């Protein structure tokens, strides 16, 4: 079974400025900082497949 959550290495949270704390959750369409809890939704509507 594939993992649906991935650490985004080398990126920094724009809210708390922590390194390597951003996680991409593919199932929820969300990027979240595990340090401060800031999150952002991913918009899939504009993608061509």
Protein backbone atom coordinates (compact mmCIF):
# COMPACT_ATOMS: atom_id res chain seq x y z
CA UNK A 1 0.00 0.00 0.00
CA UNK A 2 1.30 3.46 -0.92
CA UNK A 3 1.68 6.21 1.61
CA UNK A 4 -0.60 9.17 1.00
CA UNK A 5 1.41 11.62 3.10
CA UNK A 6 4.88 12.84 2.14
CA UNK A 7 7.44 15.07 3.84
CA UNK A 8 8.35 18.01 1.59
CA UNK A 9 12.09 18.10 2.30
CA UNK A 10 14.02 21.31 1.78
CA UNK A 11 10.97 23.57 2.11
CA UNK A 12 10.25 26.12 4.84
CA UNK A 13 6.89 27.07 6.36
CA UNK A 14 6.02 30.67 5.48
CA UNK A 15 4.16 31.13 8.78
CA UNK A 16 6.67 29.87 11.39
CA UNK A 17 9.81 29.61 9.17
CA UNK A 18 10.58 26.05 10.31
CA UNK A 19 12.56 23.86 7.90
CA UNK A 20 11.42 20.38 6.83
CA UNK A 21 8.08 20.47 8.66
CA UNK A 22 5.73 20.61 5.64
CA UNK A 23 3.74 17.48 4.79
CA UNK A 24 1.73 16.85 1.64
CA UNK A 25 -1.46 14.83 2.24
CA UNK A 26 -2.61 13.63 -1.19
CA UNK A 27 -5.90 12.15 0.01
CA UNK A 28 -7.03 15.42 1.62
CA UNK A 29 -5.39 17.70 -0.97
CA UNK A 30 -3.60 19.57 1.82
CA UNK A 31 -0.11 20.81 2.69
CA UNK A 32 0.33 21.20 6.45
CA UNK A 33 3.11 22.39 8.76
CA UNK A 34 3.57 19.90 11.60
CA UNK A 35 5.26 22.58 13.73
CA UNK A 36 2.63 25.36 13.77
CA UNK A 37 -0.39 23.68 12.14
CA UNK A 38 -0.69 26.13 9.23
CA UNK A 39 -2.31 24.48 6.22
CA UNK A 40 -3.08 25.14 2.58
CA UNK A 41 -5.52 23.37 0.27
CA UNK A 42 -4.40 22.23 -3.17
CA UNK A 43 -6.61 23.35 -6.07
CA UNK A 44 -6.91 20.50 -8.61
CA UNK A 45 -9.46 22.25 -10.84
CA UNK A 46 -6.89 24.11 -12.93
CA UNK A 47 -4.81 21.04 -13.87
CA UNK A 48 -4.97 19.44 -17.29
CA UNK A 49 -4.69 15.67 -17.30
